[in-house]
Amino acid sequence: MPSTCDRITAKASPQATFLKLGNGITLVHQDMPASAVVSVDVWVKAGATSDPTNCLGMAHFLEHMIFKGTEAIATGEFDLVIESEGGTSNAATSLDYAHYNFTVAANRLAIALP
C-alpha cells in the first residue's frame, strides 16, 4: 500500500527535500546527479537508552532481527538481494537510535529497495 506524502515546510534546504509520509516517517532526499550510486539509511528512534531495565540489549537484538526475514522476505534474503546487485548493507545501534543502510548502483534501486 503506497504511503501519502506531505512536504514539510520547516527545515527546507536547497540541498535536500524533506517529506513527511502519512505514517509519520520523515524522508530526507538529496539528489546528486553525478553519483552512480544510491544510499538508503533508515533511522529508528530506539537505541540502548530505550531498553527496559529488565531487557538490556533489546534495541541491539532487534537491530539484528531485520536480517532474519519477515513474511515477505525470507531469512538471508535481505542481504542476498542487495549483495547480488553489487551493493552493501549494514546496521548499527547507538544510545538513541538504530539504523539500517544499504548502497547500490542507482539503476538497481528498484530491485534493492523493497
C-alpha atoms as a PDB file:
ATOM      1  CA  MET A   1       0.000   0.000   0.000  1.00  0.00           C
ATOM      2  CA  PRO A   2       1.590   3.345  -1.018  1.00  0.00           C
ATOM      3  CA  SER A   3       2.064   5.983   1.661  1.00  0.00           C
ATOM      4  CA  THR A   4       0.895   9.521   1.171  1.00  0.00           C
ATOM      5  CA  CYS A   5       3.494  12.300   1.307  1.00  0.00           C
ATOM      6  CA  ASP A   6       3.148  15.838   2.585  1.00  0.00           C
ATOM      7  CA  ARG A   7       6.047  18.243   2.121  1.00  0.00           C
ATOM      8  CA  ILE A   8       7.454  19.563   5.399  1.00  0.00           C
ATOM      9  CA  THR A   9       7.762  23.337   5.240  1.00  0.00           C
ATOM     10  CA  ALA A  10      10.164  23.638   8.187  1.00  0.00           C
ATOM     11  CA  LYS A  11      13.851  22.945   7.693  1.00  0.00           C
ATOM     12  CA  ALA A  12      13.656  23.275   3.910  1.00  0.00           C
ATOM     13  CA  SER A  13      17.089  23.260   2.318  1.00  0.00           C
ATOM     14  CA  PRO A  14      18.388  23.872  -1.201  1.00  0.00           C
ATOM     15  CA  GLN A  15      20.481  20.692  -0.831  1.00  0.00           C
ATOM     16  CA  ALA A  16      17.697  18.348   0.284  1.00  0.00           C
ATOM     17  CA  THR A  17      13.960  17.788   0.160  1.00  0.00           C
ATOM     18  CA  PHE A  18      12.152  16.910   3.389  1.00  0.00           C
ATOM     19  CA  LEU A  19       8.910  14.929   3.103  1.00  0.00           C
ATOM     20  CA  LYS A  20       6.624  13.665   5.839  1.00  0.00           C
ATOM     21  CA  LEU A  21       4.938  10.367   4.996  1.00  0.00           C
ATOM     22  CA  GLY A  22       1.377   9.621   6.021  1.00  0.00           C
ATOM     23  CA  ASN A  23       2.647   7.202   8.689  1.00  0.00           C
ATOM     24  CA  GLY A  24       4.721   9.948  10.374  1.00  0.00           C
ATOM     25  CA  ILE A  25       8.110   8.959   8.947  1.00  0.00           C
ATOM     26  CA  THR A  26      10.298  11.842   7.795  1.00  0.00           C
ATOM     27  CA  LEU A  27      12.043  11.258   4.469  1.00  0.00           C
ATOM     28  CA  VAL A  28      15.118  13.281   3.525  1.00  0.00           C
ATOM     29  CA  HIS A  29      16.051  13.109  -0.162  1.00  0.00           C
ATOM     30  CA  GLN A  30      19.211  14.569  -1.610  1.00  0.00           C
ATOM     31  CA  ASP A  31      19.728  14.297  -5.354  1.00  0.00           C
ATOM     32  CA  MET A  32      23.308  14.025  -6.555  1.00  0.00           C
ATOM     33  CA  PRO A  33      23.012  13.538 -10.337  1.00  0.00           C
ATOM     34  CA  ALA A  34      26.751  12.945 -10.794  1.00  0.00           C
ATOM     35  CA  SER A  35      26.669   9.924  -8.476  1.00  0.00           C
ATOM     36  CA  ALA A  36      26.190   6.449  -9.918  1.00  0.00           C
ATOM     37  CA  VAL A  37      25.043   5.013  -6.565  1.00  0.00           C
ATOM     38  CA  VAL A  38      22.078   5.372  -4.230  1.00  0.00           C
ATOM     39  CA  SER A  39      22.355   5.142  -0.451  1.00  0.00           C
ATOM     40  CA  VAL A  40      19.370   4.492   1.782  1.00  0.00           C
ATOM     41  CA  ASP A  41      19.721   4.950   5.532  1.00  0.00           C
ATOM     42  CA  VAL A  42      16.748   4.291   7.823  1.00  0.00           C
ATOM     43  CA  TRP A  43      16.967   5.613  11.380  1.00  0.00           C
ATOM     44  CA  VAL A  44      14.695   4.349  14.173  1.00  0.00           C
ATOM     45  CA  LYS A  45      14.436   6.392  17.374  1.00  0.00           C
ATOM     46  CA  ALA A  46      15.021   3.435  19.687  1.00  0.00           C
ATOM     47  CA  GLY A  47      18.527   2.782  20.936  1.00  0.00           C
ATOM     48  CA  ALA A  48      20.182   1.341  24.009  1.00  0.00           C
ATOM     49  CA  THR A  49      18.705   4.027  26.280  1.00  0.00           C
ATOM     50  CA  SER A  50      15.226   2.835  25.215  1.00  0.00           C
ATOM     51  CA  ASP A  51      15.864  -0.655  26.572  1.00  0.00           C
ATOM     52  CA  PRO A  52      13.670  -1.696  29.511  1.00  0.00           C
ATOM     53  CA  THR A  53      15.818  -2.280  32.605  1.00  0.00           C
ATOM     54  CA  ASN A  54      14.890  -5.971  32.593  1.00  0.00           C
ATOM     55  CA  CYS A  55      15.804  -6.364  28.885  1.00  0.00           C
ATOM     56  CA  LEU A  56      19.146  -4.601  28.396  1.00  0.00           C
ATOM     57  CA  GLY A  57      20.428  -5.119  24.858  1.00  0.00           C
ATOM     58  CA  MET A  58      16.928  -5.325  23.335  1.00  0.00           C
ATOM     59  CA  ALA A  59      17.487  -2.497  20.793  1.00  0.00           C
ATOM     60  CA  HIS A  60      20.645  -4.189  19.532  1.00  0.00           C
ATOM     61  CA  PHE A  61      18.892  -7.565  19.432  1.00  0.00           C
ATOM     62  CA  LEU A  62      16.017  -6.076  17.407  1.00  0.00           C
ATOM     63  CA  GLU A  63      18.511  -4.419  15.034  1.00  0.00           C
ATOM     64  CA  HIS A  64      19.737  -7.913  14.118  1.00  0.00           C
ATOM     65  CA  MET A  65      16.212  -9.233  13.585  1.00  0.00           C
ATOM     66  CA  ILE A  66      15.862  -7.387  10.243  1.00  0.00           C
ATOM     67  CA  PHE A  67      18.307  -9.909   8.792  1.00  0.00           C
ATOM     68  CA  LYS A  68      16.171 -12.847   9.983  1.00  0.00           C
ATOM     69  CA  GLY A  69      13.398 -12.153   7.480  1.00  0.00           C
ATOM     70  CA  THR A  70       9.698 -11.347   7.531  1.00  0.00           C
ATOM     71  CA  GLU A  71       6.565 -12.811   5.995  1.00  0.00           C
ATOM     72  CA  ALA A  72       7.581 -11.096   2.732  1.00  0.00           C
ATOM     73  CA  ILE A  73      11.388 -11.568   2.915  1.00  0.00           C
ATOM     74  CA  ALA A  74      12.959 -14.980   3.568  1.00  0.00           C
ATOM     75  CA  THR A  75      15.803 -15.443   6.066  1.00  0.00           C
ATOM     76  CA  GLY A  76      19.023 -14.169   4.491  1.00  0.00           C
ATOM     77  CA  GLU A  77      17.233 -12.601   1.517  1.00  0.00           C
ATOM     78  CA  PHE A  78      17.723  -9.017   2.767  1.00  0.00           C
ATOM     79  CA  ASP A  79      21.498  -9.192   2.285  1.00  0.00           C
ATOM     80  CA  LEU A  80      21.343 -11.608  -0.640  1.00  0.00           C
ATOM     81  CA  VAL A  81      19.267  -9.285  -2.833  1.00  0.00           C
ATOM     82  CA  ILE A  82      21.410  -6.235  -2.109  1.00  0.00           C
ATOM     83  CA  GLU A  83      24.752  -8.017  -2.407  1.00  0.00           C
ATOM     84  CA  SER A  84      23.761  -9.915  -5.571  1.00  0.00           C
ATOM     85  CA  GLU A  85      23.152  -6.491  -7.134  1.00  0.00           C
ATOM     86  CA  GLY A  86      26.677  -5.393  -6.151  1.00  0.00           C
ATOM     87  CA  GLY A  87      25.581  -3.410  -3.114  1.00  0.00           C
ATOM     88  CA  THR A  88      26.465  -3.353   0.553  1.00  0.00           C
ATOM     89  CA  SER A  89      24.299  -3.231   3.672  1.00  0.00           C
ATOM     90  CA  ASN A  90      24.875  -2.732   7.359  1.00  0.00           C
ATOM     91  CA  ALA A  91      23.162  -1.759  10.606  1.00  0.00           C
ATOM     92  CA  ALA A  92      24.150  -0.287  13.946  1.00  0.00           C
ATOM     93  CA  THR A  93      22.670   0.580  17.326  1.00  0.00           C
ATOM     94  CA  SER A  94      23.690   3.639  19.334  1.00  0.00           C
ATOM     95  CA  LEU A  95      22.403   5.077  22.574  1.00  0.00           C
ATOM     96  CA  ASP A  96      19.415   6.835  20.975  1.00  0.00           C
ATOM     97  CA  TYR A  97      18.928   5.211  17.557  1.00  0.00           C
ATOM     98  CA  ALA A  98      19.262   2.078  15.493  1.00  0.00           C
ATOM     99  CA  HIS A  99      19.882   2.476  11.784  1.00  0.00           C
ATOM    100  CA  TYR A 100      19.949   0.299   8.707  1.00  0.00           C
ATOM    101  CA  ASN A 101      21.652   1.278   5.478  1.00  0.00           C
ATOM    102  CA  PHE A 102      22.449  -0.009   2.040  1.00  0.00           C
ATOM    103  CA  THR A 103      24.166   1.308  -1.055  1.00  0.00           C
ATOM    104  CA  VAL A 104      23.587   0.023  -4.598  1.00  0.00           C
ATOM    105  CA  ALA A 105      24.126   1.206  -8.151  1.00  0.00           C
ATOM    106  CA  ALA A 106      21.453   3.784  -8.953  1.00  0.00           C
ATOM    107  CA  ASN A 107      19.992   1.616 -11.699  1.00  0.00           C
ATOM    108  CA  ARG A 108      19.483  -1.261  -9.197  1.00  0.00           C
ATOM    109  CA  LEU A 109      17.469   0.704  -6.603  1.00  0.00           C
ATOM    110  CA  ALA A 110      14.099  -0.668  -7.751  1.00  0.00           C
ATOM    111  CA  ILE A 111      15.365  -4.208  -7.036  1.00  0.00           C
ATOM    112  CA  ALA A 112      17.057  -3.473  -3.692  1.00  0.00           C
ATOM    113  CA  LEU A 113      14.592  -1.053  -2.082  1.00  0.00           C
ATOM    114  CA  PRO A 114      11.718  -3.458  -1.371  1.00  0.00           C
END
